[in-house]
Amino acid sequence: REFPDHHAYADMDREEIRRAAAASSAELVLCTHKDLVKLPINDLGQRPLWALTVEMQIREGAEVLEAALDRVTQQAHDHRS
């Protein structure tokens, strides 16, 4: 099951995931670390709840990105002054 980004998990969502996990042959339930903090439980459907930490690595164009970010932050700083 996939939930949208920034989803606020309700009891019925946790129950739906628990039922799906219990009905599957999965050994665990996997989510992002960001979602793990919204699911204050250790297991779903008697399956452990594990989380991935997602990272990003800029492989090309880092200098261009950094220059653009510098311009944006400088503009924001100038508008506050």
Protein backbone atom coordinates (compact mmCIF):
# COMPACT_ATOMS: atom_id res chain seq x y z
CA ARG A 1 0.00 0.00 0.00
CA GLU A 2 1.27 3.45 -0.81
CA PHE A 3 0.32 6.61 1.06
CA PRO A 4 0.90 10.17 -0.13
CA ASP A 5 3.81 12.21 1.15
CA HIS A 6 3.16 13.93 4.51
CA HIS A 7 0.30 11.53 5.23
CA ALA A 8 -1.13 11.71 8.76
CA TYR A 9 -1.71 8.05 9.64
CA ALA A 10 -5.06 7.38 11.25
CA ASP A 11 -6.02 4.29 13.23
CA MET A 12 -7.82 2.90 10.16
CA ASP A 13 -4.61 3.27 8.08
CA ARG A 14 -2.59 1.35 10.66
CA GLU A 15 -5.29 -1.32 10.76
CA GLU A 16 -5.29 -1.60 6.95
CA ILE A 17 -1.50 -2.03 6.93
CA ARG A 18 -1.70 -4.52 9.80
CA ARG A 19 -4.32 -6.62 7.96
CA ALA A 20 -2.30 -6.56 4.72
CA ALA A 21 0.87 -7.57 6.57
CA ALA A 22 -0.91 -10.39 8.40
CA ALA A 23 -2.40 -11.70 5.15
CA SER A 24 0.91 -11.64 3.30
CA SER A 25 3.96 -13.84 3.45
CA ALA A 26 6.09 -10.78 4.22
CA GLU A 27 8.60 -11.09 7.02
CA LEU A 28 8.48 -7.39 7.86
CA VAL A 29 6.82 -4.07 7.02
CA LEU A 30 9.06 -1.42 5.50
CA CYS A 31 8.56 2.34 5.48
CA THR A 32 10.66 5.48 5.35
CA HIS A 33 12.18 6.85 8.54
CA LYS A 34 10.02 9.94 8.02
CA ASP A 35 6.90 7.76 8.22
CA LEU A 36 8.21 5.68 11.10
CA VAL A 37 7.94 8.65 13.46
CA LYS A 38 4.25 8.94 12.48
CA LEU A 39 3.63 5.26 13.25
CA PRO A 40 4.44 4.97 16.97
CA ILE A 41 4.37 1.17 16.93
CA ASN A 42 6.99 -1.58 16.64
CA ASP A 43 5.09 -4.07 14.52
CA LEU A 44 2.11 -4.44 12.23
CA GLY A 45 0.29 -7.70 11.80
CA GLN A 46 2.91 -9.47 13.94
CA ARG A 47 5.58 -8.29 11.48
CA PRO A 48 8.39 -5.98 12.64
CA LEU A 49 8.22 -2.43 11.34
CA TRP A 50 11.52 -1.35 9.76
CA ALA A 51 12.48 1.99 8.26
CA LEU A 52 14.79 3.20 5.52
CA THR A 53 16.70 6.44 5.75
CA VAL A 54 16.55 8.15 2.37
CA GLU A 55 19.51 10.27 1.34
CA MET A 56 20.31 12.23 -1.79
CA GLN A 57 23.65 12.56 -3.50
CA ILE A 58 24.28 15.13 -6.23
CA ARG A 59 26.36 13.34 -8.85
CA GLU A 60 26.65 16.12 -11.43
CA GLY A 61 26.06 19.85 -11.39
CA ALA A 62 26.62 20.40 -7.68
CA GLU A 63 28.36 23.71 -8.35
CA VAL A 64 25.45 24.98 -10.45
CA LEU A 65 22.95 23.94 -7.77
CA GLU A 66 24.99 25.55 -5.00
CA ALA A 67 25.27 28.82 -6.97
CA ALA A 68 21.50 28.87 -7.55
CA LEU A 69 20.82 28.18 -3.86
CA ASP A 70 23.26 30.94 -2.88
CA ARG A 71 21.37 33.39 -5.12
CA VAL A 72 18.00 32.40 -3.64
CA THR A 73 19.18 32.63 -0.04
CA GLN A 74 20.87 35.98 -0.73
CA GLN A 75 17.65 37.32 -2.28
CA ALA A 76 15.66 36.12 0.74
CA HIS A 77 18.16 37.77 3.07
CA ASP A 78 18.02 41.04 1.07
CA HIS A 79 14.20 41.10 1.28
CA ARG A 80 14.29 40.67 5.08
CA SER A 81 16.79 43.49 5.56
